Amino acid sequence: MVATVDYSIDQIRQEARYLVERGIIDRQNTICILCEFIPPREWICVECELEKNDYLLRDHISDLLAKDEWQED
């Protein structure tokens, strides 16, 4: 049996922020770029979590990070 990792929306945002801060991806990339950095067997969990939180893979990384940034103010 293969174990999968559950991703919360906060974990996904944290991963996206890390990649943006390091210049690996750009805020204008679409969310689907994250699949390059998450193991394929875990990607389905990420997709489900994004969908539960009303994100589409064609949305921009900046859309994903925007809600998180407002909380810091």
C-alpha atoms as a PDB file:
ATOM      1  CA  MET A   1       0.000   0.000   0.000  1.00  0.00           C
ATOM      2  CA  VAL A   2       1.325   3.432  -0.943  1.00  0.00           C
ATOM      3  CA  ALA A   3       0.945   6.140   1.675  1.00  0.00           C
ATOM      4  CA  THR A   4      -0.158   9.574   0.526  1.00  0.00           C
ATOM      5  CA  VAL A   5       0.367  12.896   2.210  1.00  0.00           C
ATOM      6  CA  ASP A   6      -2.592  15.158   2.890  1.00  0.00           C
ATOM      7  CA  TYR A   7      -1.940  18.810   2.067  1.00  0.00           C
ATOM      8  CA  SER A   8      -3.772  21.650   3.745  1.00  0.00           C
ATOM      9  CA  ILE A   9      -4.338  24.903   1.875  1.00  0.00           C
ATOM     10  CA  ASP A  10      -1.899  26.540   4.303  1.00  0.00           C
ATOM     11  CA  GLN A  11       0.811  24.024   3.405  1.00  0.00           C
ATOM     12  CA  ILE A  12       0.208  24.624  -0.296  1.00  0.00           C
ATOM     13  CA  ARG A  13       0.452  28.392   0.217  1.00  0.00           C
ATOM     14  CA  GLN A  14       3.624  27.951   2.259  1.00  0.00           C
ATOM     15  CA  GLU A  15       5.211  25.865  -0.506  1.00  0.00           C
ATOM     16  CA  ALA A  16       4.168  28.403  -3.154  1.00  0.00           C
ATOM     17  CA  ARG A  17       5.516  31.313  -1.085  1.00  0.00           C
ATOM     18  CA  TYR A  18       8.830  29.488  -0.577  1.00  0.00           C
ATOM     19  CA  LEU A  19       9.203  28.933  -4.331  1.00  0.00           C
ATOM     20  CA  VAL A  20       8.299  32.565  -5.120  1.00  0.00           C
ATOM     21  CA  GLU A  21      10.673  33.996  -2.508  1.00  0.00           C
ATOM     22  CA  ARG A  22      13.540  31.929  -3.923  1.00  0.00           C
ATOM     23  CA  GLY A  23      12.754  33.064  -7.470  1.00  0.00           C
ATOM     24  CA  ILE A  24      12.024  29.521  -8.622  1.00  0.00           C
ATOM     25  CA  ILE A  25       8.521  30.432  -9.784  1.00  0.00           C
ATOM     26  CA  ASP A  26       6.826  33.752 -10.458  1.00  0.00           C
ATOM     27  CA  ARG A  27       3.654  35.096  -8.873  1.00  0.00           C
ATOM     28  CA  GLN A  28       2.150  35.280 -12.383  1.00  0.00           C
ATOM     29  CA  ASN A  29       2.648  31.553 -13.063  1.00  0.00           C
ATOM     30  CA  THR A  30      -0.479  29.457 -12.892  1.00  0.00           C
ATOM     31  CA  ILE A  31      -1.053  27.256  -9.870  1.00  0.00           C
ATOM     32  CA  CYS A  32      -0.533  24.149 -11.998  1.00  0.00           C
ATOM     33  CA  ILE A  33       3.228  24.898 -11.989  1.00  0.00           C
ATOM     34  CA  LEU A  34       3.305  23.546  -8.443  1.00  0.00           C
ATOM     35  CA  CYS A  35       2.896  20.035  -9.863  1.00  0.00           C
ATOM     36  CA  GLU A  36       6.566  20.226 -10.906  1.00  0.00           C
ATOM     37  CA  PHE A  37       7.572  20.396  -7.237  1.00  0.00           C
ATOM     38  CA  ILE A  38       5.155  17.919  -5.669  1.00  0.00           C
ATOM     39  CA  PRO A  39       5.458  14.161  -6.208  1.00  0.00           C
ATOM     40  CA  PRO A  40       2.903  12.887  -8.753  1.00  0.00           C
ATOM     41  CA  ARG A  41       1.233  10.489  -6.305  1.00  0.00           C
ATOM     42  CA  GLU A  42       0.637  13.407  -3.918  1.00  0.00           C
ATOM     43  CA  TRP A  43      -0.520  15.876  -6.578  1.00  0.00           C
ATOM     44  CA  ILE A  44      -4.084  14.518  -6.562  1.00  0.00           C
ATOM     45  CA  CYS A  45      -4.349  15.469  -2.863  1.00  0.00           C
ATOM     46  CA  VAL A  46      -3.157  18.981  -3.694  1.00  0.00           C
ATOM     47  CA  GLU A  47      -5.675  19.277  -6.522  1.00  0.00           C
ATOM     48  CA  CYS A  48      -8.502  18.185  -4.221  1.00  0.00           C
ATOM     49  CA  GLU A  49      -7.492  20.683  -1.530  1.00  0.00           C
ATOM     50  CA  LEU A  50      -7.286  23.506  -4.083  1.00  0.00           C
ATOM     51  CA  GLU A  51     -10.707  22.586  -5.429  1.00  0.00           C
ATOM     52  CA  LYS A  52     -12.214  22.510  -1.926  1.00  0.00           C
ATOM     53  CA  ASN A  53     -10.933  26.068  -1.478  1.00  0.00           C
ATOM     54  CA  ASP A  54     -12.296  27.283  -4.845  1.00  0.00           C
ATOM     55  CA  TYR A  55      -8.968  27.504  -6.698  1.00  0.00           C
ATOM     56  CA  LEU A  56      -8.514  26.453 -10.298  1.00  0.00           C
ATOM     57  CA  LEU A  57      -5.219  25.217 -11.732  1.00  0.00           C
ATOM     58  CA  ARG A  58      -5.346  28.105 -14.218  1.00  0.00           C
ATOM     59  CA  ASP A  59      -5.476  30.686 -11.390  1.00  0.00           C
ATOM     60  CA  HIS A  60      -2.265  32.574 -10.716  1.00  0.00           C
ATOM     61  CA  ILE A  61       0.045  31.905  -7.794  1.00  0.00           C
ATOM     62  CA  SER A  62      -0.661  35.490  -6.711  1.00  0.00           C
ATOM     63  CA  ASP A  63      -4.341  34.530  -6.268  1.00  0.00           C
ATOM     64  CA  LEU A  64      -3.313  31.721  -3.955  1.00  0.00           C
ATOM     65  CA  LEU A  65      -0.999  33.947  -1.912  1.00  0.00           C
ATOM     66  CA  ALA A  66      -3.261  37.027  -1.831  1.00  0.00           C
ATOM     67  CA  LYS A  67      -5.591  35.788   0.917  1.00  0.00           C
ATOM     68  CA  ASP A  68      -2.645  34.738   3.044  1.00  0.00           C
ATOM     69  CA  GLU A  69      -0.923  38.123   2.672  1.00  0.00           C
ATOM     70  CA  TRP A  70      -3.998  40.005   3.884  1.00  0.00           C
ATOM     71  CA  GLN A  71      -3.942  38.067   7.143  1.00  0.00           C
ATOM     72  CA  GLU A  72      -0.485  39.491   7.964  1.00  0.00           C
ATOM     73  CA  ASP A  73      -1.652  43.126   8.022  1.00  0.00           C
END
